[in-house]
Amino acid sequence: MNVKQRNLIANYTTALTCLTSLIIINTQPANAASTSGQFTAQTVMSPSCTLSASTMGFAAYTGAEITATSNLVVNCTNAAPFTLSFSDTDHTGGLYKLVRDATAGSATTDYLNIFFKNAANATMTNAGATITGTGIGSSATAGVITGTIPAQAGRTAGTFAKTMTLVINY
């Protein structure tokens, strides 16, 4: 090999060595910095309740004492405590009045006395007995109210009714 060929091989070798070094240098990972942080995922679930009650349908009144019941159904958030009570004021001594339909000359004395008791046999009034429970997250029977119309004489025939208002506190 002559000097010219040796110089050419040396130049190619030098160029190849430089190129190989450049590739090696450029394939090294960059020194990147990193850090970490945190976040909190949060929500609030407020308690809620709904209430429904079946109609308290009595048999035909004949002057003798009769009773009927109404089932109370609540749907409260799971584990939410609740209290059911009347918001209506009783007329006297826990008695309410079922008033006769106001047609055909009905007088204010056309009424039937009625009182209501909870399952513990306590008289329900707006300041009296309540029904308490804890929600289960779905509809459930919370209790039963029993209405009693005691024996009363001298009442005029007709339809007697009163709409009672229940309150649920939760």
Protein backbone atom coordinates (compact mmCIF):
# COMPACT_ATOMS: atom_id res chain seq x y z
CA MET A 1 0.00 0.00 0.00
CA ASN A 2 1.32 3.34 -0.93
CA VAL A 3 1.33 6.46 1.17
CA LYS A 4 -1.64 7.91 -0.63
CA GLN A 5 -3.77 4.87 0.08
CA ARG A 6 -2.68 4.82 3.73
CA ASN A 7 -3.63 8.46 4.14
CA LEU A 8 -6.98 7.79 2.53
CA ILE A 9 -7.65 4.83 4.86
CA ALA A 10 -6.51 6.91 7.83
CA ASN A 11 -8.88 9.73 6.83
CA TYR A 12 -11.77 7.26 6.43
CA THR A 13 -10.97 5.65 9.78
CA THR A 14 -10.82 9.04 11.49
CA ALA A 15 -14.11 10.08 9.91
CA LEU A 16 -15.72 6.78 10.88
CA THR A 17 -14.42 7.05 14.47
CA CYS A 18 -15.81 10.62 14.78
CA LEU A 19 -19.15 9.58 13.36
CA THR A 20 -19.35 6.58 15.73
CA SER A 21 -18.47 8.80 18.71
CA LEU A 22 -21.13 11.30 17.68
CA ILE A 23 -23.77 8.58 17.48
CA ILE A 24 -22.78 7.20 20.88
CA ILE A 25 -22.85 10.64 22.45
CA ASN A 26 -26.25 11.51 20.94
CA THR A 27 -27.91 8.24 21.99
CA GLN A 28 -27.27 8.80 25.70
CA PRO A 29 -30.48 9.78 27.58
CA ALA A 30 -30.85 13.40 28.52
CA ASN A 31 -30.63 14.18 32.21
CA ALA A 32 -34.38 14.97 32.82
CA ALA A 33 -35.72 16.18 36.14
CA SER A 34 -39.04 15.00 37.63
CA THR A 35 -41.15 15.69 40.68
CA SER A 36 -44.48 14.41 42.02
CA GLY A 37 -47.59 15.92 43.55
CA GLN A 38 -50.94 14.79 44.93
CA PHE A 39 -54.59 15.72 44.60
CA THR A 40 -57.70 14.79 46.58
CA ALA A 41 -60.95 13.64 44.99
CA GLN A 42 -63.86 14.56 47.23
CA THR A 43 -67.64 14.97 47.25
CA VAL A 44 -70.34 15.52 49.85
CA MET A 45 -73.55 13.48 49.93
CA SER A 46 -76.25 15.30 51.84
CA PRO A 47 -78.99 13.22 53.42
CA SER A 48 -82.37 13.27 51.69
CA CYS A 49 -85.76 11.71 52.33
CA THR A 50 -89.14 11.34 50.67
CA LEU A 51 -92.35 10.31 52.37
CA SER A 52 -95.60 8.77 51.19
CA ALA A 53 -98.61 7.44 53.08
CA SER A 54 -101.48 5.22 52.04
CA THR A 55 -105.06 6.46 52.37
CA MET A 56 -106.63 5.59 55.70
CA GLY A 57 -109.85 4.07 54.37
CA PHE A 58 -112.48 3.30 56.98
CA ALA A 59 -115.43 0.96 56.60
CA ALA A 60 -118.85 2.64 56.52
CA TYR A 61 -119.53 4.35 59.82
CA THR A 62 -122.59 3.10 61.71
CA GLY A 63 -122.09 4.91 65.01
CA ALA A 64 -119.88 2.20 66.55
CA GLU A 65 -116.10 2.53 66.99
CA ILE A 66 -114.07 1.69 63.88
CA THR A 67 -110.36 1.70 63.07
CA ALA A 68 -108.22 1.89 59.94
CA THR A 69 -104.51 2.19 59.22
CA SER A 70 -102.15 4.08 56.97
CA ASN A 71 -98.72 2.72 56.03
CA LEU A 72 -95.94 5.28 56.00
CA VAL A 73 -93.17 4.68 53.46
CA VAL A 74 -89.92 6.62 53.48
CA ASN A 75 -86.98 6.60 51.13
CA CYS A 76 -84.03 8.11 52.96
CA THR A 77 -80.32 8.15 52.24
CA ASN A 78 -78.60 5.14 53.78
CA ALA A 79 -77.99 5.66 57.53
CA ALA A 80 -79.88 9.00 57.63
CA PRO A 81 -81.90 9.23 60.86
CA PHE A 82 -85.45 10.59 60.47
CA THR A 83 -88.45 11.57 62.59
CA LEU A 84 -92.06 11.64 61.35
CA SER A 85 -94.68 13.80 63.05
CA PHE A 86 -97.95 15.64 62.39
CA SER A 87 -97.92 19.32 61.60
CA ASP A 88 -101.70 19.65 62.16
CA THR A 89 -102.91 20.95 65.51
CA ASP A 90 -105.37 18.70 67.28
CA HIS A 91 -108.71 20.13 68.32
CA THR A 92 -108.65 18.93 71.89
CA GLY A 93 -106.97 16.14 73.86
CA GLY A 94 -105.43 14.50 70.78
CA LEU A 95 -108.75 14.41 68.91
CA TYR A 96 -109.03 15.67 65.35
CA LYS A 97 -112.23 16.24 63.39
CA LEU A 98 -113.26 14.59 60.16
CA VAL A 99 -115.57 17.23 58.69
CA ARG A 100 -118.59 16.30 56.57
CA ASP A 101 -118.52 17.35 52.93
CA ALA A 102 -119.65 21.00 52.85
CA THR A 103 -122.49 20.37 50.39
CA ALA A 104 -126.20 20.21 51.21
CA GLY A 105 -126.14 22.69 54.09
CA SER A 106 -123.43 21.09 56.20
CA ALA A 107 -122.96 22.80 59.56
CA THR A 108 -119.67 23.13 61.45
CA THR A 109 -121.05 20.61 63.93
CA ASP A 110 -121.12 17.94 61.21
CA TYR A 111 -117.93 16.12 62.12
CA LEU A 112 -116.63 12.87 63.51
CA ASN A 113 -113.92 12.80 66.16
CA ILE A 114 -110.84 10.77 65.31
CA PHE A 115 -107.53 10.10 67.03
CA PHE A 116 -104.32 8.61 65.67
CA LYS A 117 -101.79 6.32 67.32
CA ASN A 118 -98.37 5.05 66.26
CA ALA A 119 -97.18 1.45 66.56
CA ALA A 120 -96.12 2.12 70.17
CA ASN A 121 -99.79 2.99 70.89
CA ALA A 122 -98.88 6.61 71.63
CA THR A 123 -101.35 9.27 70.49
CA MET A 124 -100.00 11.23 67.53
CA THR A 125 -100.38 15.02 67.69
CA ASN A 126 -98.26 17.84 66.36
CA ALA A 127 -96.62 18.13 69.77
CA GLY A 128 -96.86 14.48 70.72
CA ALA A 129 -95.66 11.08 69.64
CA THR A 130 -93.48 10.58 66.60
CA ILE A 131 -92.20 7.76 64.47
CA THR A 132 -88.43 7.48 64.17
CA GLY A 133 -86.13 5.41 62.04
CA THR A 134 -82.96 5.25 59.96
CA GLY A 135 -82.85 5.29 56.16
CA ILE A 136 -81.69 2.24 54.23
CA GLY A 137 -81.14 3.92 50.86
CA SER A 138 -84.40 2.65 49.33
CA SER A 139 -88.13 2.75 50.03
CA ALA A 140 -89.18 1.00 53.24
CA THR A 141 -92.13 1.02 55.60
CA ALA A 142 -91.32 3.43 58.42
CA GLY A 143 -94.40 2.72 60.47
CA VAL A 144 -98.13 2.47 60.64
CA ILE A 145 -100.59 5.04 61.96
CA THR A 146 -103.88 3.68 63.27
CA GLY A 147 -106.90 5.96 63.21
CA THR A 148 -109.84 5.33 65.49
CA ILE A 149 -113.26 6.93 65.17
CA PRO A 150 -114.94 6.38 68.54
CA ALA A 151 -118.66 5.68 68.89
CA GLN A 152 -120.62 8.89 68.28
CA ALA A 153 -124.37 9.33 67.98
CA GLY A 154 -126.50 11.78 66.06
CA ARG A 155 -124.30 12.43 63.02
CA THR A 156 -125.70 13.41 59.66
CA ALA A 157 -125.07 11.06 56.74
CA GLY A 158 -122.36 12.15 54.31
CA THR A 159 -118.69 11.87 53.49
CA PHE A 160 -116.36 12.89 56.31
CA ALA A 161 -112.68 13.63 55.67
CA LYS A 162 -109.59 15.44 56.87
CA THR A 163 -106.25 15.73 55.13
CA MET A 164 -103.46 15.26 57.62
CA THR A 165 -99.99 16.68 57.01
CA LEU A 166 -96.96 14.63 57.99
CA VAL A 167 -93.51 16.15 58.39
CA ILE A 168 -90.27 14.23 58.01
CA ASN A 169 -87.21 15.71 59.67
CA TYR A 170 -83.82 14.26 58.73
